[in-house]
Amino acid sequence: MFWYVYIAESRFKHFYTGITNNPNLRILKHNSGKGSRMAIQQGPFVLAYVSKEFPNKSAARKREVQIKKWTKAKKERLIKGEWK
């Protein structure tokens, strides 16, 4: 099973970064009112970015932690494909 880092954009243009093994299903879960408090308050979300495949959850988590520390501008560049 592969893991992915994803960035979801809220209706308020905020970003939520997380990991999952099924990005599309995870967005559906966020939008159904299940998940984090932020997801419930900020939804609905659209999937803005999905990473390459990671071989395990640990590797995906490390990348998630890295991305969460970035500024909004840097995340926007990643979403546009201008940053790796």
C-alpha atoms as a PDB file:
ATOM      1  CA  MET A   1       0.000   0.000   0.000  1.00  0.00           C
ATOM      2  CA  PHE A   2       1.329   3.432  -0.928  1.00  0.00           C
ATOM      3  CA  TRP A   3       0.922   6.633   1.083  1.00  0.00           C
ATOM      4  CA  TYR A   4       0.501  10.199  -0.138  1.00  0.00           C
ATOM      5  CA  VAL A   5       0.842  13.686   1.260  1.00  0.00           C
ATOM      6  CA  TYR A   6      -2.034  15.903   0.233  1.00  0.00           C
ATOM      7  CA  ILE A   7      -2.963  19.553   0.522  1.00  0.00           C
ATOM      8  CA  ALA A   8      -6.629  20.408   0.646  1.00  0.00           C
ATOM      9  CA  GLU A   9      -7.881  23.964   0.164  1.00  0.00           C
ATOM     10  CA  SER A  10     -10.822  25.162   2.234  1.00  0.00           C
ATOM     11  CA  ARG A  11     -13.593  27.486   1.146  1.00  0.00           C
ATOM     12  CA  PHE A  12     -11.731  30.204   3.081  1.00  0.00           C
ATOM     13  CA  LYS A  13      -8.538  29.562   1.037  1.00  0.00           C
ATOM     14  CA  HIS A  14      -6.747  27.936   3.983  1.00  0.00           C
ATOM     15  CA  PHE A  15      -4.610  24.877   3.431  1.00  0.00           C
ATOM     16  CA  TYR A  16      -4.857  21.599   5.308  1.00  0.00           C
ATOM     17  CA  THR A  17      -1.929  19.209   4.882  1.00  0.00           C
ATOM     18  CA  GLY A  18      -2.233  15.531   5.736  1.00  0.00           C
ATOM     19  CA  ILE A  19      -1.341  11.989   4.718  1.00  0.00           C
ATOM     20  CA  THR A  20      -3.526   9.185   3.453  1.00  0.00           C
ATOM     21  CA  ASN A  21      -3.455   6.043   1.363  1.00  0.00           C
ATOM     22  CA  ASN A  22      -6.466   7.266  -0.660  1.00  0.00           C
ATOM     23  CA  PRO A  23      -6.525  11.056  -1.318  1.00  0.00           C
ATOM     24  CA  ASN A  24      -9.933  11.186  -3.008  1.00  0.00           C
ATOM     25  CA  LEU A  25     -11.616   9.189  -0.265  1.00  0.00           C
ATOM     26  CA  ARG A  26      -9.949  11.361   2.373  1.00  0.00           C
ATOM     27  CA  ILE A  27     -11.386  14.543   0.818  1.00  0.00           C
ATOM     28  CA  LEU A  28     -14.828  12.947   0.774  1.00  0.00           C
ATOM     29  CA  LYS A  29     -14.388  12.135   4.458  1.00  0.00           C
ATOM     30  CA  HIS A  30     -13.346  15.708   5.258  1.00  0.00           C
ATOM     31  CA  ASN A  31     -16.335  17.053   3.356  1.00  0.00           C
ATOM     32  CA  SER A  32     -18.759  14.698   5.083  1.00  0.00           C
ATOM     33  CA  GLY A  33     -18.003  16.344   8.439  1.00  0.00           C
ATOM     34  CA  LYS A  34     -15.679  13.629   9.701  1.00  0.00           C
ATOM     35  CA  GLY A  35     -12.068  14.222  10.574  1.00  0.00           C
ATOM     36  CA  SER A  36     -10.302  17.058  12.303  1.00  0.00           C
ATOM     37  CA  ARG A  37     -12.069  20.007  13.904  1.00  0.00           C
ATOM     38  CA  MET A  38     -10.444  22.273  11.304  1.00  0.00           C
ATOM     39  CA  ALA A  39     -11.916  20.161   8.525  1.00  0.00           C
ATOM     40  CA  ILE A  40     -15.390  20.396  10.004  1.00  0.00           C
ATOM     41  CA  GLN A  41     -15.187  24.168  10.505  1.00  0.00           C
ATOM     42  CA  GLN A  42     -13.409  25.089   7.256  1.00  0.00           C
ATOM     43  CA  GLY A  43     -14.987  22.725   4.713  1.00  0.00           C
ATOM     44  CA  PRO A  44     -15.843  21.925   2.082  1.00  0.00           C
ATOM     45  CA  PHE A  45     -12.403  21.216   0.706  1.00  0.00           C
ATOM     46  CA  VAL A  46     -10.956  20.651  -2.738  1.00  0.00           C
ATOM     47  CA  LEU A  47      -7.891  18.541  -3.324  1.00  0.00           C
ATOM     48  CA  ALA A  48      -5.167  21.008  -4.341  1.00  0.00           C
ATOM     49  CA  TYR A  49      -2.091  18.762  -4.310  1.00  0.00           C
ATOM     50  CA  VAL A  50      -1.175  15.092  -4.102  1.00  0.00           C
ATOM     51  CA  SER A  51       2.438  13.990  -3.721  1.00  0.00           C
ATOM     52  CA  LYS A  52       4.254  11.177  -5.406  1.00  0.00           C
ATOM     53  CA  GLU A  53       3.804   7.752  -3.843  1.00  0.00           C
ATOM     54  CA  PHE A  54       5.628   7.007  -0.615  1.00  0.00           C
ATOM     55  CA  PRO A  55       6.432   3.365   0.174  1.00  0.00           C
ATOM     56  CA  ASN A  56       5.260   3.619   3.782  1.00  0.00           C
ATOM     57  CA  LYS A  57       3.418   5.819   6.256  1.00  0.00           C
ATOM     58  CA  SER A  58       6.607   6.907   8.010  1.00  0.00           C
ATOM     59  CA  ALA A  59       8.119   8.392   4.855  1.00  0.00           C
ATOM     60  CA  ALA A  60       4.885  10.221   4.037  1.00  0.00           C
ATOM     61  CA  ARG A  61       4.662  11.564   7.604  1.00  0.00           C
ATOM     62  CA  LYS A  62       8.185  13.014   7.383  1.00  0.00           C
ATOM     63  CA  ARG A  63       7.263  14.903   4.207  1.00  0.00           C
ATOM     64  CA  GLU A  64       3.975  16.055   5.758  1.00  0.00           C
ATOM     65  CA  VAL A  65       5.807  17.513   8.765  1.00  0.00           C
ATOM     66  CA  GLN A  66       8.215  19.302   6.431  1.00  0.00           C
ATOM     67  CA  ILE A  67       5.420  20.831   4.329  1.00  0.00           C
ATOM     68  CA  LYS A  68       3.394  21.887   7.379  1.00  0.00           C
ATOM     69  CA  LYS A  69       6.296  24.147   8.421  1.00  0.00           C
ATOM     70  CA  TRP A  70       6.243  25.998   5.093  1.00  0.00           C
ATOM     71  CA  THR A  71       4.647  29.362   4.491  1.00  0.00           C
ATOM     72  CA  LYS A  72       1.408  29.607   2.549  1.00  0.00           C
ATOM     73  CA  ALA A  73       3.331  31.117  -0.376  1.00  0.00           C
ATOM     74  CA  LYS A  74       5.713  28.158  -0.510  1.00  0.00           C
ATOM     75  CA  LYS A  75       2.789  25.710  -0.395  1.00  0.00           C
ATOM     76  CA  GLU A  76       1.166  27.604  -3.269  1.00  0.00           C
ATOM     77  CA  ARG A  77       4.365  27.213  -5.288  1.00  0.00           C
ATOM     78  CA  LEU A  78       4.360  23.468  -4.569  1.00  0.00           C
ATOM     79  CA  ILE A  79       0.737  23.219  -5.702  1.00  0.00           C
ATOM     80  CA  LYS A  80       1.599  25.064  -8.944  1.00  0.00           C
ATOM     81  CA  GLY A  81       4.544  22.721  -9.553  1.00  0.00           C
ATOM     82  CA  GLU A  82       7.148  25.437  -9.035  1.00  0.00           C
ATOM     83  CA  TRP A  83       8.683  23.790  -5.946  1.00  0.00           C
ATOM     84  CA  LYS A  84       9.609  20.233  -5.029  1.00  0.00           C
END
